[in-house]
Amino acid sequence: MKLQEIREKTIDELNELIKDSKKQLLDLRMQKALQKLENTAQIGKLRTVIAQAKTVIKEKSEVK
């Protein structure tokens, strides 16, 4: 997901995105532990999306 797409979402949508992303991250970590994950770069990308969403939430809350 691109940063511009993240910036267009509302705070509630961003919180939902973080929640879903954390669930996916847990699933990916479990797959990695069981050595069933082929593309380990997905973990880093998902962590980046979570961090970007949290940053945008903070930016939007400071504007108010």
N, C-alpha and C. Protein backbone atom coordinates (compact mmCIF):
# COMPACT_ATOMS: atom_id res chain seq x y z
N MET A 1 0.85 -1.17 0.00
CA MET A 1 0.00 0.00 0.00
C MET A 1 0.90 1.24 0.00
N LYS A 2 0.55 2.17 -0.84
CA LYS A 2 1.35 3.37 -0.96
C LYS A 2 0.97 4.36 0.14
N LEU A 3 1.92 5.22 0.47
CA LEU A 3 1.71 6.20 1.52
C LEU A 3 0.56 7.15 1.18
N GLN A 4 0.42 7.50 -0.08
CA GLN A 4 -0.67 8.40 -0.49
C GLN A 4 -2.03 7.75 -0.21
N GLU A 5 -2.14 6.45 -0.44
CA GLU A 5 -3.39 5.74 -0.16
C GLU A 5 -3.67 5.75 1.34
N ILE A 6 -2.63 5.61 2.14
CA ILE A 6 -2.80 5.61 3.59
C ILE A 6 -3.25 6.99 4.07
N ARG A 7 -2.69 8.05 3.49
CA ARG A 7 -3.03 9.42 3.91
C ARG A 7 -4.49 9.76 3.59
N GLU A 8 -5.08 9.11 2.58
CA GLU A 8 -6.45 9.41 2.18
C GLU A 8 -7.49 8.78 3.11
N LYS A 9 -7.08 7.85 3.94
CA LYS A 9 -8.00 7.15 4.83
C LYS A 9 -8.30 7.99 6.08
N THR A 10 -9.44 7.71 6.70
CA THR A 10 -9.79 8.37 7.95
C THR A 10 -9.07 7.68 9.11
N ILE A 11 -9.13 8.28 10.27
CA ILE A 11 -8.45 7.71 11.44
C ILE A 11 -9.05 6.35 11.80
N ASP A 12 -10.38 6.22 11.70
CA ASP A 12 -11.01 4.93 12.00
C ASP A 12 -10.56 3.85 11.01
N GLU A 13 -10.48 4.21 9.74
CA GLU A 13 -10.02 3.26 8.73
C GLU A 13 -8.57 2.87 8.99
N LEU A 14 -7.77 3.83 9.43
CA LEU A 14 -6.36 3.54 9.72
C LEU A 14 -6.23 2.60 10.91
N ASN A 15 -7.04 2.82 11.93
CA ASN A 15 -7.01 1.92 13.09
C ASN A 15 -7.40 0.50 12.69
N GLU A 16 -8.38 0.39 11.80
CA GLU A 16 -8.79 -0.93 11.30
C GLU A 16 -7.67 -1.56 10.46
N LEU A 17 -6.99 -0.74 9.67
CA LEU A 17 -5.85 -1.22 8.88
C LEU A 17 -4.75 -1.75 9.78
N ILE A 18 -4.46 -1.05 10.85
CA ILE A 18 -3.42 -1.49 11.80
C ILE A 18 -3.82 -2.80 12.44
N LYS A 19 -5.08 -2.89 12.84
CA LYS A 19 -5.57 -4.11 13.48
C LYS A 19 -5.45 -5.32 12.54
N ASP A 20 -5.88 -5.14 11.29
CA ASP A 20 -5.79 -6.23 10.32
C ASP A 20 -4.34 -6.58 9.99
N SER A 21 -3.51 -5.56 9.89
CA SER A 21 -2.11 -5.79 9.56
C SER A 21 -1.39 -6.54 10.67
N LYS A 22 -1.74 -6.24 11.91
CA LYS A 22 -1.12 -6.95 13.03
C LYS A 22 -1.51 -8.43 13.04
N LYS A 23 -2.77 -8.72 12.65
CA LYS A 23 -3.20 -10.11 12.55
C LYS A 23 -2.42 -10.83 11.45
N GLN A 24 -2.26 -10.16 10.31
CA GLN A 24 -1.50 -10.74 9.20
C GLN A 24 -0.05 -10.96 9.61
N LEU A 25 0.50 -10.01 10.35
CA LEU A 25 1.89 -10.11 10.80
C LEU A 25 2.08 -11.32 11.71
N LEU A 26 1.13 -11.54 12.59
CA LEU A 26 1.19 -12.70 13.46
C LEU A 26 1.15 -14.00 12.64
N ASP A 27 0.26 -14.04 11.64
CA ASP A 27 0.18 -15.22 10.79
C ASP A 27 1.50 -15.46 10.04
N LEU A 28 2.09 -14.38 9.54
CA LEU A 28 3.35 -14.52 8.81
C LEU A 28 4.47 -15.00 9.73
N ARG A 29 4.49 -14.50 10.95
CA ARG A 29 5.52 -14.94 11.90
C ARG A 29 5.35 -16.41 12.24
N MET A 30 4.11 -16.86 12.35
CA MET A 30 3.87 -18.27 12.63
C MET A 30 4.33 -19.13 11.45
N GLN A 31 4.03 -18.68 10.24
CA GLN A 31 4.46 -19.41 9.05
C GLN A 31 5.98 -19.46 8.98
N LYS A 32 6.63 -18.37 9.36
CA LYS A 32 8.09 -18.34 9.34
C LYS A 32 8.65 -19.32 10.36
N ALA A 33 8.03 -19.37 11.53
CA ALA A 33 8.49 -20.29 12.57
C ALA A 33 8.33 -21.74 12.13
N LEU A 34 7.29 -22.01 11.38
CA LEU A 34 7.06 -23.37 10.88
C LEU A 34 7.78 -23.63 9.56
N GLN A 35 8.52 -22.64 9.10
CA GLN A 35 9.29 -22.69 7.86
C GLN A 35 8.42 -22.97 6.65
N LYS A 36 7.25 -22.34 6.63
CA LYS A 36 6.33 -22.45 5.50
C LYS A 36 6.24 -21.14 4.72
N LEU A 37 6.92 -20.12 5.22
CA LEU A 37 6.88 -18.81 4.56
C LEU A 37 7.99 -18.73 3.53
N GLU A 38 7.60 -18.50 2.29
CA GLU A 38 8.59 -18.44 1.21
C GLU A 38 9.18 -17.05 1.04
N ASN A 39 8.35 -16.03 1.18
CA ASN A 39 8.81 -14.66 0.97
C ASN A 39 8.85 -13.94 2.32
N THR A 40 10.00 -13.94 2.95
CA THR A 40 10.13 -13.33 4.27
C THR A 40 10.11 -11.80 4.21
N ALA A 41 10.24 -11.24 3.04
CA ALA A 41 10.20 -9.78 2.90
C ALA A 41 8.82 -9.23 3.21
N GLN A 42 7.79 -10.07 3.17
CA GLN A 42 6.44 -9.63 3.48
C GLN A 42 6.35 -9.10 4.90
N ILE A 43 7.11 -9.68 5.81
CA ILE A 43 7.08 -9.26 7.22
C ILE A 43 7.55 -7.81 7.33
N GLY A 44 8.64 -7.48 6.68
CA GLY A 44 9.16 -6.12 6.72
C GLY A 44 8.22 -5.12 6.09
N LYS A 45 7.60 -5.51 4.97
CA LYS A 45 6.67 -4.61 4.29
C LYS A 45 5.45 -4.33 5.16
N LEU A 46 4.98 -5.36 5.84
CA LEU A 46 3.81 -5.20 6.69
C LEU A 46 4.13 -4.32 7.89
N ARG A 47 5.32 -4.48 8.45
CA ARG A 47 5.73 -3.63 9.56
C ARG A 47 5.83 -2.18 9.12
N THR A 48 6.28 -1.95 7.89
CA THR A 48 6.37 -0.60 7.35
C THR A 48 4.99 0.03 7.21
N VAL A 49 4.02 -0.75 6.72
CA VAL A 49 2.65 -0.24 6.57
C VAL A 49 2.07 0.14 7.93
N ILE A 50 2.32 -0.68 8.94
CA ILE A 50 1.82 -0.39 10.28
C ILE A 50 2.43 0.91 10.80
N ALA A 51 3.73 1.06 10.62
CA ALA A 51 4.42 2.27 11.09
C ALA A 51 3.92 3.51 10.36
N GLN A 52 3.70 3.40 9.05
CA GLN A 52 3.21 4.54 8.29
C GLN A 52 1.81 4.92 8.73
N ALA A 53 0.96 3.93 8.98
CA ALA A 53 -0.41 4.22 9.41
C ALA A 53 -0.40 4.90 10.77
N LYS A 54 0.46 4.45 11.68
CA LYS A 54 0.54 5.08 12.99
C LYS A 54 1.03 6.52 12.88
N THR A 55 1.96 6.76 11.98
CA THR A 55 2.48 8.10 11.77
C THR A 55 1.40 9.03 11.23
N VAL A 56 0.63 8.54 10.27
CA VAL A 56 -0.44 9.36 9.68
C VAL A 56 -1.51 9.67 10.72
N ILE A 57 -1.83 8.68 11.58
CA ILE A 57 -2.79 8.93 12.67
C ILE A 57 -2.29 10.04 13.57
N LYS A 58 -1.02 10.00 13.91
CA LYS A 58 -0.45 11.03 14.79
C LYS A 58 -0.49 12.39 14.11
N GLU A 59 -0.17 12.43 12.82
CA GLU A 59 -0.20 13.69 12.08
C GLU A 59 -1.61 14.27 12.05
N LYS A 60 -2.59 13.41 11.80
CA LYS A 60 -3.98 13.88 11.70
C LYS A 60 -4.51 14.33 13.07
N SER A 61 -4.10 13.67 14.13
CA SER A 61 -4.58 14.06 15.45
C SER A 61 -3.94 15.37 15.93
N GLU A 62 -2.74 15.67 15.47
CA GLU A 62 -2.08 16.92 15.84
C GLU A 62 -2.68 18.11 15.13
N VAL A 63 -3.26 17.90 13.95
CA VAL A 63 -3.85 18.98 13.18
C VAL A 63 -5.11 19.51 13.85
N LYS A 64 -5.84 18.65 14.52
CA LYS A 64 -7.11 19.06 15.14
C LYS A 64 -6.92 20.02 16.26
